[in-house]
């Protein structure tokens, strides 16, 4: 299963607008995408689940994807993270 480690350097992490953009981008892929922070994980397609992770500036999150377009999904989410 492909995975990436992402660091959120934007001012608010994955709060409100950035989280909504992340969830929207994750929803564009068929792959099952999961965010992992410490011992907690969240479905990347669920805004509430992503917000509950409480990802703040400087936090490191592992993103895993499983499915035919897993690598493309991780590439897109990695690129988006750099733009937030």
C-alpha atoms as a PDB file:
ATOM      1  CA  UNK A   1       0.000   0.000   0.000  1.00  0.00           C
ATOM      2  CA  UNK A   2       1.546   3.316  -1.064  1.00  0.00           C
ATOM      3  CA  UNK A   3       1.997   5.988   1.573  1.00  0.00           C
ATOM      4  CA  UNK A   4       3.409   9.480   1.992  1.00  0.00           C
ATOM      5  CA  UNK A   5       4.444  11.521   4.978  1.00  0.00           C
ATOM      6  CA  UNK A   6       3.129  15.072   4.771  1.00  0.00           C
ATOM      7  CA  UNK A   7       3.939  18.095   6.912  1.00  0.00           C
ATOM      8  CA  UNK A   8       1.391  20.890   7.096  1.00  0.00           C
ATOM      9  CA  UNK A   9       3.320  24.165   7.132  1.00  0.00           C
ATOM     10  CA  UNK A  10       0.375  26.447   6.415  1.00  0.00           C
ATOM     11  CA  UNK A  11      -0.863  28.743   9.158  1.00  0.00           C
ATOM     12  CA  UNK A  12      -3.879  26.694  10.298  1.00  0.00           C
ATOM     13  CA  UNK A  13      -3.021  23.088   9.391  1.00  0.00           C
ATOM     14  CA  UNK A  14      -6.100  21.143   8.267  1.00  0.00           C
ATOM     15  CA  UNK A  15      -8.752  23.398   9.716  1.00  0.00           C
ATOM     16  CA  UNK A  16     -11.977  24.462   7.953  1.00  0.00           C
ATOM     17  CA  UNK A  17     -11.119  25.639   4.422  1.00  0.00           C
ATOM     18  CA  UNK A  18      -7.867  23.676   3.962  1.00  0.00           C
ATOM     19  CA  UNK A  19      -9.571  20.534   5.292  1.00  0.00           C
ATOM     20  CA  UNK A  20     -12.481  21.017   2.905  1.00  0.00           C
ATOM     21  CA  UNK A  21     -10.092  21.370  -0.033  1.00  0.00           C
ATOM     22  CA  UNK A  22      -8.202  18.243   1.054  1.00  0.00           C
ATOM     23  CA  UNK A  23     -11.420  16.216   1.376  1.00  0.00           C
ATOM     24  CA  UNK A  24     -12.665  17.468  -1.995  1.00  0.00           C
ATOM     25  CA  UNK A  25      -9.410  16.453  -3.694  1.00  0.00           C
ATOM     26  CA  UNK A  26      -9.462  13.023  -1.997  1.00  0.00           C
ATOM     27  CA  UNK A  27     -13.010  12.525  -3.281  1.00  0.00           C
ATOM     28  CA  UNK A  28     -11.798  12.825  -6.870  1.00  0.00           C
ATOM     29  CA  UNK A  29     -10.138   9.396  -6.649  1.00  0.00           C
ATOM     30  CA  UNK A  30     -11.463   5.860  -6.370  1.00  0.00           C
ATOM     31  CA  UNK A  31      -8.681   4.832  -3.988  1.00  0.00           C
ATOM     32  CA  UNK A  32      -9.395   4.433  -0.296  1.00  0.00           C
ATOM     33  CA  UNK A  33      -7.349   7.207   1.321  1.00  0.00           C
ATOM     34  CA  UNK A  34      -6.611   7.314   5.039  1.00  0.00           C
ATOM     35  CA  UNK A  35      -4.854   9.944   7.149  1.00  0.00           C
ATOM     36  CA  UNK A  36      -2.840   8.775  10.170  1.00  0.00           C
ATOM     37  CA  UNK A  37      -1.780  11.138  12.959  1.00  0.00           C
ATOM     38  CA  UNK A  38      -0.155   9.506  15.965  1.00  0.00           C
ATOM     39  CA  UNK A  39      -2.444   6.587  16.818  1.00  0.00           C
ATOM     40  CA  UNK A  40      -5.544   8.108  15.198  1.00  0.00           C
ATOM     41  CA  UNK A  41      -6.712   7.656  11.637  1.00  0.00           C
ATOM     42  CA  UNK A  42      -9.390   9.240   9.473  1.00  0.00           C
ATOM     43  CA  UNK A  43     -11.068   8.646   6.139  1.00  0.00           C
ATOM     44  CA  UNK A  44      -9.759  11.410   3.870  1.00  0.00           C
ATOM     45  CA  UNK A  45     -13.220  11.752   2.266  1.00  0.00           C
ATOM     46  CA  UNK A  46     -14.895  12.692   5.549  1.00  0.00           C
ATOM     47  CA  UNK A  47     -14.614  16.344   6.520  1.00  0.00           C
ATOM     48  CA  UNK A  48     -15.665  15.649  10.098  1.00  0.00           C
ATOM     49  CA  UNK A  49     -13.132  12.825  10.457  1.00  0.00           C
ATOM     50  CA  UNK A  50     -10.330  15.000   9.042  1.00  0.00           C
ATOM     51  CA  UNK A  51     -11.232  17.887  11.349  1.00  0.00           C
ATOM     52  CA  UNK A  52     -11.246  15.523  14.349  1.00  0.00           C
ATOM     53  CA  UNK A  53      -7.595  14.685  13.667  1.00  0.00           C
ATOM     54  CA  UNK A  54      -6.797  18.252  14.754  1.00  0.00           C
ATOM     55  CA  UNK A  55      -3.897  18.653  12.320  1.00  0.00           C
ATOM     56  CA  UNK A  56      -2.064  21.859  13.187  1.00  0.00           C
ATOM     57  CA  UNK A  57       0.808  23.781  11.677  1.00  0.00           C
ATOM     58  CA  UNK A  58       3.964  21.691  11.661  1.00  0.00           C
ATOM     59  CA  UNK A  59       2.165  18.388  12.269  1.00  0.00           C
ATOM     60  CA  UNK A  60       3.320  15.298  10.381  1.00  0.00           C
ATOM     61  CA  UNK A  61       0.629  13.074   8.928  1.00  0.00           C
ATOM     62  CA  UNK A  62       1.019   9.761   7.097  1.00  0.00           C
ATOM     63  CA  UNK A  63      -1.349   9.321   4.175  1.00  0.00           C
ATOM     64  CA  UNK A  64      -2.046   5.851   2.801  1.00  0.00           C
ATOM     65  CA  UNK A  65      -3.997   4.938  -0.298  1.00  0.00           C
ATOM     66  CA  UNK A  66      -5.239   1.643  -1.655  1.00  0.00           C
ATOM     67  CA  UNK A  67      -6.704   1.123  -5.107  1.00  0.00           C
ATOM     68  CA  UNK A  68      -5.979   1.472  -8.800  1.00  0.00           C
ATOM     69  CA  UNK A  69      -5.326   5.214  -8.639  1.00  0.00           C
ATOM     70  CA  UNK A  70      -3.557   5.234  -5.255  1.00  0.00           C
ATOM     71  CA  UNK A  71      -0.292   6.733  -6.517  1.00  0.00           C
ATOM     72  CA  UNK A  72      -2.120   9.453  -8.462  1.00  0.00           C
ATOM     73  CA  UNK A  73      -4.176  10.279  -5.382  1.00  0.00           C
ATOM     74  CA  UNK A  74      -1.083  10.583  -3.200  1.00  0.00           C
ATOM     75  CA  UNK A  75       0.658  12.733  -5.825  1.00  0.00           C
ATOM     76  CA  UNK A  76      -2.338  15.086  -6.007  1.00  0.00           C
ATOM     77  CA  UNK A  77      -2.719  15.339  -2.233  1.00  0.00           C
ATOM     78  CA  UNK A  78       1.005  15.943  -1.777  1.00  0.00           C
ATOM     79  CA  UNK A  79       0.863  18.747  -4.341  1.00  0.00           C
ATOM     80  CA  UNK A  80      -2.240  20.231  -2.709  1.00  0.00           C
ATOM     81  CA  UNK A  81      -0.603  20.179   0.722  1.00  0.00           C
ATOM     82  CA  UNK A  82       2.210  22.344  -0.633  1.00  0.00           C
ATOM     83  CA  UNK A  83      -0.355  24.870  -1.908  1.00  0.00           C
ATOM     84  CA  UNK A  84      -2.407  25.212   1.265  1.00  0.00           C
END
